[in-house]
Amino acid sequence: MTSKPMSVLITGANRGLGLEMVKQMLETQRPLSLLFACCRDPEGPKAEGLQALAKEHPDIIKMICLDATDRSTIKKAAHQVGSMVGKSGLNLIINNAAMAIHSPFFESTPEEMHKCFDTNAVGPMVVIQEFISLLRAAAEDFGKPGMSCRKAAVINISTIFSSNEITKESYKMFTVLPYRTSKAALNMISVCASVELQKYGILCTMLHPGWVRTDMGGSEGEIDVHESVEGMLRVMNSLTEKHSGALLNWKGETVPW
């Protein structure tokens, strides 16, 4: 029996993990009806790779302006997406947009903390709030019990560096206090959201992509973007209600936090 067509929204889709997610979803997530590729400046030079993909797949990829730190753009994006998905709703949101400021404890400033919190924690929260009606519509339209990414789900991209349990052993390698603490806040937001969303049949799970060789992860990362995204998509396809509020890595292993 053929699966129902799936609609997906990815934030920070113009580079790194986000752009690779767009590429691999086109190849593997079928049937895929609409893929909303969101970034701050979809017409700008930093989105050229995404623009090229959108030209190749105009019926599926829709480029949307969404700045995780600007609620007005999130509201506008929700309205645009809603007008295209209609009663079928939006099946999957991947909150991937993030920023890292490389500051250790005694060099971190309140301004740096605010920037990371606004992007990495508050942004995903607002995205869920503004898109909830579309997620609920998708869950209702799916018409089956249980939870999955093909039904209705939010995947928040977190990190192993948000873990309190491993900070003592990992801090010297990767100080980044604003990034660590903002992602720890994202974890709590995700768990709270998972409790709220489960009554509607909507899954909310966190994924650690691994230490990836990207602009954010640096050249010394352990894996490349293709391996990371390939693993995360495999995990997403296997998620059920038992993973609600969980933090897993790209291999599907539970990360303590």
C-alpha atoms as a PDB file:
ATOM      1  CA  MET A   1       0.000   0.000   0.000  1.00  0.00           C
ATOM      2  CA  THR A   2       1.423   3.385  -1.007  1.00  0.00           C
ATOM      3  CA  SER A   3       2.089   5.877   1.779  1.00  0.00           C
ATOM      4  CA  LYS A   4       0.315   9.207   1.781  1.00  0.00           C
ATOM      5  CA  PRO A   5       2.328  12.097   0.304  1.00  0.00           C
ATOM      6  CA  MET A   6       4.419  13.849   2.932  1.00  0.00           C
ATOM      7  CA  SER A   7       5.036  17.576   3.467  1.00  0.00           C
ATOM      8  CA  VAL A   8       8.193  18.791   5.224  1.00  0.00           C
ATOM      9  CA  LEU A   9       9.556  22.112   6.471  1.00  0.00           C
ATOM     10  CA  ILE A  10      13.265  22.605   7.219  1.00  0.00           C
ATOM     11  CA  THR A  11      14.731  25.736   8.799  1.00  0.00           C
ATOM     12  CA  GLY A  12      18.294  26.797   7.995  1.00  0.00           C
ATOM     13  CA  ALA A  13      17.984  24.937   4.691  1.00  0.00           C
ATOM     14  CA  ASN A  14      20.455  27.006   2.660  1.00  0.00           C
ATOM     15  CA  ARG A  15      23.712  25.388   3.843  1.00  0.00           C
ATOM     16  CA  GLY A  16      25.338  22.608   5.819  1.00  0.00           C
ATOM     17  CA  LEU A  17      23.042  20.009   7.328  1.00  0.00           C
ATOM     18  CA  GLY A  18      19.898  21.805   6.193  1.00  0.00           C
ATOM     19  CA  LEU A  19      20.869  21.843   2.523  1.00  0.00           C
ATOM     20  CA  GLU A  20      21.947  18.204   2.681  1.00  0.00           C
ATOM     21  CA  MET A  21      18.577  17.321   4.232  1.00  0.00           C
ATOM     22  CA  VAL A  22      16.825  18.916   1.278  1.00  0.00           C
ATOM     23  CA  LYS A  23      18.982  16.923  -1.165  1.00  0.00           C
ATOM     24  CA  GLN A  24      18.519  13.572   0.549  1.00  0.00           C
ATOM     25  CA  MET A  25      14.819  14.014   1.233  1.00  0.00           C
ATOM     26  CA  LEU A  26      14.255  14.519  -2.475  1.00  0.00           C
ATOM     27  CA  GLU A  27      15.930  11.157  -3.077  1.00  0.00           C
ATOM     28  CA  THR A  28      14.597   9.061  -0.194  1.00  0.00           C
ATOM     29  CA  GLN A  29      11.373  10.427   1.323  1.00  0.00           C
ATOM     30  CA  ARG A  30       8.755   9.302  -1.161  1.00  0.00           C
ATOM     31  CA  PRO A  31       6.064  10.170  -1.858  1.00  0.00           C
ATOM     32  CA  LEU A  32       7.121  13.731  -1.000  1.00  0.00           C
ATOM     33  CA  SER A  33       4.499  16.319  -1.899  1.00  0.00           C
ATOM     34  CA  LEU A  34       6.035  19.596  -0.712  1.00  0.00           C
ATOM     35  CA  LEU A  35       9.346  20.540   0.871  1.00  0.00           C
ATOM     36  CA  PHE A  36       9.475  24.015   2.393  1.00  0.00           C
ATOM     37  CA  ALA A  37      13.125  25.061   2.481  1.00  0.00           C
ATOM     38  CA  CYS A  38      13.428  27.999   4.861  1.00  0.00           C
ATOM     39  CA  CYS A  39      16.247  30.450   5.448  1.00  0.00           C
ATOM     40  CA  ARG A  40      16.718  34.132   6.278  1.00  0.00           C
ATOM     41  CA  ASP A  41      17.539  35.268   2.744  1.00  0.00           C
ATOM     42  CA  PRO A  42      16.327  32.769   0.119  1.00  0.00           C
ATOM     43  CA  GLU A  43      17.203  35.157  -2.709  1.00  0.00           C
ATOM     44  CA  GLY A  44      20.700  35.946  -1.425  1.00  0.00           C
ATOM     45  CA  PRO A  45      24.152  34.636  -2.428  1.00  0.00           C
ATOM     46  CA  LYS A  46      24.345  32.286   0.585  1.00  0.00           C
ATOM     47  CA  ALA A  47      21.394  30.312  -0.784  1.00  0.00           C
ATOM     48  CA  GLU A  48      22.690  29.647  -4.305  1.00  0.00           C
ATOM     49  CA  GLY A  49      22.856  25.879  -3.811  1.00  0.00           C
ATOM     50  CA  LEU A  50      19.282  25.820  -2.548  1.00  0.00           C
ATOM     51  CA  GLN A  51      18.142  28.059  -5.389  1.00  0.00           C
ATOM     52  CA  ALA A  52      19.596  25.609  -7.908  1.00  0.00           C
ATOM     53  CA  LEU A  53      17.752  22.678  -6.290  1.00  0.00           C
ATOM     54  CA  ALA A  54      14.505  24.650  -6.264  1.00  0.00           C
ATOM     55  CA  LYS A  55      14.845  25.305  -9.992  1.00  0.00           C
ATOM     56  CA  GLU A  56      15.341  21.581 -10.634  1.00  0.00           C
ATOM     57  CA  HIS A  57      12.322  20.610  -8.505  1.00  0.00           C
ATOM     58  CA  PRO A  58       9.902  23.557  -8.702  1.00  0.00           C
ATOM     59  CA  ASP A  59       6.825  21.445  -7.969  1.00  0.00           C
ATOM     60  CA  ILE A  60       8.241  20.124  -4.683  1.00  0.00           C
ATOM     61  CA  ILE A  61      10.698  22.655  -3.244  1.00  0.00           C
ATOM     62  CA  LYS A  62       9.237  25.948  -2.071  1.00  0.00           C
ATOM     63  CA  MET A  63      11.751  28.462  -0.732  1.00  0.00           C
ATOM     64  CA  ILE A  64      10.417  30.419   2.224  1.00  0.00           C
ATOM     65  CA  CYS A  65      11.860  33.383   4.120  1.00  0.00           C
ATOM     66  CA  LEU A  66      12.053  32.482   7.808  1.00  0.00           C
ATOM     67  CA  ASP A  67      14.333  34.066  10.393  1.00  0.00           C
ATOM     68  CA  ALA A  68      14.250  32.091  13.650  1.00  0.00           C
ATOM     69  CA  THR A  69      14.865  35.309  15.601  1.00  0.00           C
ATOM     70  CA  ASP A  70      12.011  37.243  13.961  1.00  0.00           C
ATOM     71  CA  ARG A  71       8.513  36.104  14.923  1.00  0.00           C
ATOM     72  CA  SER A  72       6.908  38.154  12.158  1.00  0.00           C
ATOM     73  CA  THR A  73       8.730  36.116   9.493  1.00  0.00           C
ATOM     74  CA  ILE A  74       7.701  32.892  11.238  1.00  0.00           C
ATOM     75  CA  LYS A  75       4.062  34.002  11.262  1.00  0.00           C
ATOM     76  CA  LYS A  76       4.243  34.935   7.592  1.00  0.00           C
ATOM     77  CA  ALA A  77       5.881  31.617   6.743  1.00  0.00           C
ATOM     78  CA  ALA A  78       3.140  29.708   8.571  1.00  0.00           C
ATOM     79  CA  HIS A  79       0.518  31.584   6.555  1.00  0.00           C
ATOM     80  CA  GLN A  80       2.334  30.834   3.270  1.00  0.00           C
ATOM     81  CA  VAL A  81       2.738  27.160   4.086  1.00  0.00           C
ATOM     82  CA  GLY A  82      -0.867  26.891   5.242  1.00  0.00           C
ATOM     83  CA  SER A  83      -2.118  28.292   1.957  1.00  0.00           C
ATOM     84  CA  MET A  84      -0.248  25.554   0.063  1.00  0.00           C
ATOM     85  CA  VAL A  85      -0.870  22.482   2.226  1.00  0.00           C
ATOM     86  CA  GLY A  86      -4.544  23.207   2.883  1.00  0.00           C
ATOM     87  CA  LYS A  87      -6.516  20.707   4.947  1.00  0.00           C
ATOM     88  CA  SER A  88      -3.764  18.101   4.678  1.00  0.00           C
ATOM     89  CA  GLY A  89      -1.605  20.152   7.026  1.00  0.00           C
ATOM     90  CA  LEU A  90       2.157  19.924   7.517  1.00  0.00           C
ATOM     91  CA  ASN A  91       3.606  16.534   8.434  1.00  0.00           C
ATOM     92  CA  LEU A  92       7.133  17.309   9.568  1.00  0.00           C
ATOM     93  CA  ILE A  93       9.072  20.292  10.894  1.00  0.00           C
ATOM     94  CA  ILE A  94      12.838  20.031  11.274  1.00  0.00           C
ATOM     95  CA  ASN A  95      14.137  22.893  13.422  1.00  0.00           C
ATOM     96  CA  ASN A  96      17.685  22.902  12.081  1.00  0.00           C
ATOM     97  CA  ALA A  97      18.606  26.624  12.041  1.00  0.00           C
ATOM     98  CA  ALA A  98      21.224  27.343  14.688  1.00  0.00           C
ATOM     99  CA  MET A  99      24.257  29.427  15.523  1.00  0.00           C
ATOM    100  CA  ALA A 100      27.383  28.815  17.593  1.00  0.00           C
ATOM    101  CA  ILE A 101      29.505  31.467  19.273  1.00  0.00           C
ATOM    102  CA  HIS A 102      32.910  30.106  20.252  1.00  0.00           C
ATOM    103  CA  SER A 103      33.314  31.684  23.685  1.00  0.00           C
ATOM    104  CA  PRO A 104      34.476  29.966  26.892  1.00  0.00           C
ATOM    105  CA  PHE A 105      32.918  30.800  30.237  1.00  0.00           C
ATOM    106  CA  PHE A 106      34.930  33.904  31.206  1.00  0.00           C
ATOM    107  CA  GLU A 107      34.779  35.424  27.730  1.00  0.00           C
ATOM    108  CA  SER A 108      31.070  34.922  27.080  1.00  0.00           C
ATOM    109  CA  THR A 109      28.940  38.069  27.166  1.00  0.00           C
ATOM    110  CA  PRO A 110      25.230  38.562  27.861  1.00  0.00           C
ATOM    111  CA  GLU A 111      24.829  39.683  24.243  1.00  0.00           C
ATOM    112  CA  GLU A 112      26.326  36.434  22.948  1.00  0.00           C
ATOM    113  CA  MET A 113      24.110  34.413  25.264  1.00  0.00           C
ATOM    114  CA  HIS A 114      21.002  36.263  24.056  1.00  0.00           C
ATOM    115  CA  LYS A 115      21.922  35.708  20.383  1.00  0.00           C
ATOM    116  CA  CYS A 116      22.336  31.965  20.832  1.00  0.00           C
ATOM    117  CA  PHE A 117      19.219  31.615  22.973  1.00  0.00           C
ATOM    118  CA  ASP A 118      17.111  33.576  20.492  1.00  0.00           C
ATOM    119  CA  THR A 119      18.184  31.392  17.563  1.00  0.00           C
ATOM    120  CA  ASN A 120      18.716  27.986  19.146  1.00  0.00           C
ATOM    121  CA  ALA A 121      15.986  27.844  21.806  1.00  0.00           C
ATOM    122  CA  VAL A 122      13.364  30.568  21.411  1.00  0.00           C
ATOM    123  CA  GLY A 123      13.248  30.244  17.616  1.00  0.00           C
ATOM    124  CA  PRO A 124      12.246  26.553  17.563  1.00  0.00           C
ATOM    125  CA  MET A 125       9.689  27.224  20.308  1.00  0.00           C
ATOM    126  CA  VAL A 126       8.033  29.968  18.268  1.00  0.00           C
ATOM    127  CA  VAL A 127       8.085  27.837  15.113  1.00  0.00           C
ATOM    128  CA  ILE A 128       6.135  25.115  16.925  1.00  0.00           C
ATOM    129  CA  GLN A 129       3.692  27.674  18.327  1.00  0.00           C
ATOM    130  CA  GLU A 130       3.007  29.283  14.955  1.00  0.00           C
ATOM    131  CA  PHE A 131       2.741  26.012  12.994  1.00  0.00           C
ATOM    132  CA  ILE A 132       0.734  24.000  15.534  1.00  0.00           C
ATOM    133  CA  SER A 133      -2.539  24.274  13.618  1.00  0.00           C
ATOM    134  CA  LEU A 134      -0.890  22.818  10.497  1.00  0.00           C
ATOM    135  CA  LEU A 135       0.669  19.969  12.487  1.00  0.00           C
ATOM    136  CA  ARG A 136      -2.687  19.188  14.107  1.00  0.00           C
ATOM    137  CA  ALA A 137      -4.379  19.194  10.699  1.00  0.00           C
ATOM    138  CA  ALA A 138      -1.810  16.686   9.418  1.00  0.00           C
ATOM    139  CA  ALA A 139      -2.275  14.421  12.444  1.00  0.00           C
ATOM    140  CA  GLU A 140      -6.038  14.444  11.957  1.00  0.00           C
ATOM    141  CA  ASP A 141      -5.783  13.913   8.207  1.00  0.00           C
ATOM    142  CA  PHE A 142      -3.478  10.907   8.679  1.00  0.00           C
ATOM    143  CA  GLY A 143      -6.337   9.058  10.300  1.00  0.00           C
ATOM    144  CA  LYS A 144      -4.325   6.403  12.138  1.00  0.00           C
ATOM    145  CA  PRO A 145      -3.254   6.061  15.794  1.00  0.00           C
ATOM    146  CA  GLY A 146       0.343   6.277  16.967  1.00  0.00           C
ATOM    147  CA  MET A 147       3.078   8.755  16.152  1.00  0.00           C
ATOM    148  CA  SER A 148       5.555   9.049  13.290  1.00  0.00           C
ATOM    149  CA  CYS A 149       7.330  11.592  11.116  1.00  0.00           C
ATOM    150  CA  ARG A 150       5.026  10.755   8.216  1.00  0.00           C
ATOM    151  CA  LYS A 151       2.009  11.578  10.380  1.00  0.00           C
ATOM    152  CA  ALA A 152       2.927  14.763  12.273  1.00  0.00           C
ATOM    153  CA  ALA A 153       6.203  15.511  14.029  1.00  0.00           C
ATOM    154  CA  VAL A 154       8.738  18.097  15.143  1.00  0.00           C
ATOM    155  CA  ILE A 155      12.426  17.199  15.064  1.00  0.00           C
ATOM    156  CA  ASN A 156      14.635  19.642  16.956  1.00  0.00           C
ATOM    157  CA  ILE A 157      18.310  19.386  16.050  1.00  0.00           C
ATOM    158  CA  SER A 158      20.170  19.406  19.356  1.00  0.00           C
ATOM    159  CA  THR A 159      23.699  18.304  20.254  1.00  0.00           C
ATOM    160  CA  ILE A 160      25.630  16.032  22.552  1.00  0.00           C
ATOM    161  CA  PHE A 161      27.268  19.207  23.865  1.00  0.00           C
ATOM    162  CA  SER A 162      23.974  20.103  25.534  1.00  0.00           C
ATOM    163  CA  SER A 163      24.429  17.156  27.885  1.00  0.00           C
ATOM    164  CA  ASN A 164      25.126  17.947  31.527  1.00  0.00           C
ATOM    165  CA  GLU A 165      26.387  14.399  32.027  1.00  0.00           C
ATOM    166  CA  ILE A 166      29.301  14.643  29.595  1.00  0.00           C
ATOM    167  CA  THR A 167      30.200  18.331  29.912  1.00  0.00           C
ATOM    168  CA  LYS A 168      33.146  17.752  32.258  1.00  0.00           C
ATOM    169  CA  GLU A 169      34.836  15.483  29.739  1.00  0.00           C
ATOM    170  CA  SER A 170      33.913  17.464  26.609  1.00  0.00           C
ATOM    171  CA  TYR A 171      34.175  21.107  27.706  1.00  0.00           C
ATOM    172  CA  LYS A 172      37.907  21.550  27.097  1.00  0.00           C
ATOM    173  CA  MET A 173      37.513  20.208  23.569  1.00  0.00           C
ATOM    174  CA  PHE A 174      34.526  22.425  22.728  1.00  0.00           C
ATOM    175  CA  THR A 175      33.982  25.314  25.140  1.00  0.00           C
ATOM    176  CA  VAL A 176      31.252  27.326  23.329  1.00  0.00           C
ATOM    177  CA  LEU A 177      29.276  28.219  26.454  1.00  0.00           C
ATOM    178  CA  PRO A 178      26.472  30.173  24.682  1.00  0.00           C
ATOM    179  CA  TYR A 179      25.888  27.297  22.255  1.00  0.00           C
ATOM    180  CA  ARG A 180      25.936  24.607  24.947  1.00  0.00           C
ATOM    181  CA  THR A 181      23.520  26.382  27.254  1.00  0.00           C
ATOM    182  CA  SER A 182      21.101  27.414  24.504  1.00  0.00           C
ATOM    183  CA  LYS A 183      20.913  23.831  23.251  1.00  0.00           C
ATOM    184  CA  ALA A 184      20.352  22.603  26.813  1.00  0.00           C
ATOM    185  CA  ALA A 185      17.428  25.034  26.936  1.00  0.00           C
ATOM    186  CA  LEU A 186      16.190  23.608  23.622  1.00  0.00           C
ATOM    187  CA  ASN A 187      16.171  20.160  25.210  1.00  0.00           C
ATOM    188  CA  MET A 188      13.854  21.324  27.996  1.00  0.00           C
ATOM    189  CA  ILE A 189      11.630  23.179  25.536  1.00  0.00           C
ATOM    190  CA  SER A 190      11.438  20.015  23.430  1.00  0.00           C
ATOM    191  CA  VAL A 191      10.431  17.776  26.326  1.00  0.00           C
ATOM    192  CA  CYS A 192       7.775  20.241  27.466  1.00  0.00           C
ATOM    193  CA  ALA A 193       6.512  20.542  23.894  1.00  0.00           C
ATOM    194  CA  SER A 194       6.418  16.755  23.563  1.00  0.00           C
ATOM    195  CA  VAL A 195       4.023  16.532  26.509  1.00  0.00           C
ATOM    196  CA  GLU A 196       1.762  19.212  25.004  1.00  0.00           C
ATOM    197  CA  LEU A 197       1.881  17.742  21.500  1.00  0.00           C
ATOM    198  CA  GLN A 198       1.329  14.092  22.301  1.00  0.00           C
ATOM    199  CA  LYS A 199      -2.350  14.683  23.089  1.00  0.00           C
ATOM    200  CA  TYR A 200      -2.773  15.644  19.419  1.00  0.00           C
ATOM    201  CA  GLY A 201      -0.816  12.646  18.159  1.00  0.00           C
ATOM    202  CA  ILE A 202       2.184  14.816  17.252  1.00  0.00           C
ATOM    203  CA  LEU A 203       5.683  13.509  17.898  1.00  0.00           C
ATOM    204  CA  CYS A 204       8.469  15.764  19.225  1.00  0.00           C
ATOM    205  CA  THR A 205      11.994  14.379  19.342  1.00  0.00           C
ATOM    206  CA  MET A 206      15.548  15.732  19.468  1.00  0.00           C
ATOM    207  CA  LEU A 207      18.430  14.545  17.297  1.00  0.00           C
ATOM    208  CA  HIS A 208      22.188  14.964  17.700  1.00  0.00           C
ATOM    209  CA  PRO A 209      23.692  14.990  14.187  1.00  0.00           C
ATOM    210  CA  GLY A 210      27.160  13.981  15.363  1.00  0.00           C
ATOM    211  CA  TRP A 211      30.305  16.056  15.215  1.00  0.00           C
ATOM    212  CA  VAL A 212      29.977  17.053  11.591  1.00  0.00           C
ATOM    213  CA  ARG A 213      32.442  18.759   9.289  1.00  0.00           C
ATOM    214  CA  THR A 214      30.493  21.967   8.597  1.00  0.00           C
ATOM    215  CA  ASP A 215      31.078  25.703   9.077  1.00  0.00           C
ATOM    216  CA  MET A 216      29.727  25.275  12.606  1.00  0.00           C
ATOM    217  CA  GLY A 217      31.354  21.947  13.459  1.00  0.00           C
ATOM    218  CA  GLY A 218      34.739  22.778  11.963  1.00  0.00           C
ATOM    219  CA  SER A 219      37.099  20.839   9.716  1.00  0.00           C
ATOM    220  CA  GLU A 220      38.066  18.337  12.444  1.00  0.00           C
ATOM    221  CA  GLY A 221      34.577  16.833  12.697  1.00  0.00           C
ATOM    222  CA  GLU A 222      34.243  13.049  12.819  1.00  0.00           C
ATOM    223  CA  ILE A 223      31.729  12.638   9.975  1.00  0.00           C
ATOM    224  CA  ASP A 224      30.648  14.529   6.864  1.00  0.00           C
ATOM    225  CA  VAL A 225      27.228  16.027   6.221  1.00  0.00           C
ATOM    226  CA  HIS A 226      26.127  13.194   3.947  1.00  0.00           C
ATOM    227  CA  GLU A 227      26.748  10.508   6.585  1.00  0.00           C
ATOM    228  CA  SER A 228      25.120  12.591   9.306  1.00  0.00           C
ATOM    229  CA  VAL A 229      21.959  13.353   7.355  1.00  0.00           C
ATOM    230  CA  GLU A 230      21.705   9.827   5.983  1.00  0.00           C
ATOM    231  CA  GLY A 231      21.772   8.541   9.558  1.00  0.00           C
ATOM    232  CA  MET A 232      19.317  11.117  10.888  1.00  0.00           C
ATOM    233  CA  LEU A 233      16.796  10.401   8.121  1.00  0.00           C
ATOM    234  CA  ARG A 234      17.068   6.703   8.864  1.00  0.00           C
ATOM    235  CA  VAL A 235      16.360   7.426  12.532  1.00  0.00           C
ATOM    236  CA  MET A 236      13.453   9.754  11.674  1.00  0.00           C
ATOM    237  CA  ASN A 237      11.849   7.008   9.590  1.00  0.00           C
ATOM    238  CA  SER A 238      11.978   4.661  12.596  1.00  0.00           C
ATOM    239  CA  LEU A 239      10.565   7.009  15.244  1.00  0.00           C
ATOM    240  CA  THR A 240       7.362   6.128  17.094  1.00  0.00           C
ATOM    241  CA  GLU A 241       5.491   7.388  20.148  1.00  0.00           C
ATOM    242  CA  LYS A 242       8.048   5.700  22.422  1.00  0.00           C
ATOM    243  CA  HIS A 243      10.603   8.293  21.265  1.00  0.00           C
ATOM    244  CA  SER A 244       8.495  11.286  22.338  1.00  0.00           C
ATOM    245  CA  GLY A 245      10.757  13.740  24.189  1.00  0.00           C
ATOM    246  CA  ALA A 246      13.890  11.658  23.586  1.00  0.00           C
ATOM    247  CA  LEU A 247      17.357  12.865  22.583  1.00  0.00           C
ATOM    248  CA  LEU A 248      18.910  10.441  20.088  1.00  0.00           C
ATOM    249  CA  ASN A 249      22.038  10.601  17.965  1.00  0.00           C
ATOM    250  CA  TRP A 250      22.291  10.018  14.210  1.00  0.00           C
ATOM    251  CA  LYS A 251      22.732   6.309  14.883  1.00  0.00           C
ATOM    252  CA  GLY A 252      19.499   6.087  16.895  1.00  0.00           C
ATOM    253  CA  GLU A 253      21.288   5.753  20.251  1.00  0.00           C
ATOM    254  CA  THR A 254      19.937   7.548  23.314  1.00  0.00           C
ATOM    255  CA  VAL A 255      22.055  10.516  24.444  1.00  0.00           C
ATOM    256  CA  PRO A 256      22.045  11.182  28.218  1.00  0.00           C
ATOM    257  CA  TRP A 257      21.513  14.803  29.123  1.00  0.00           C
END
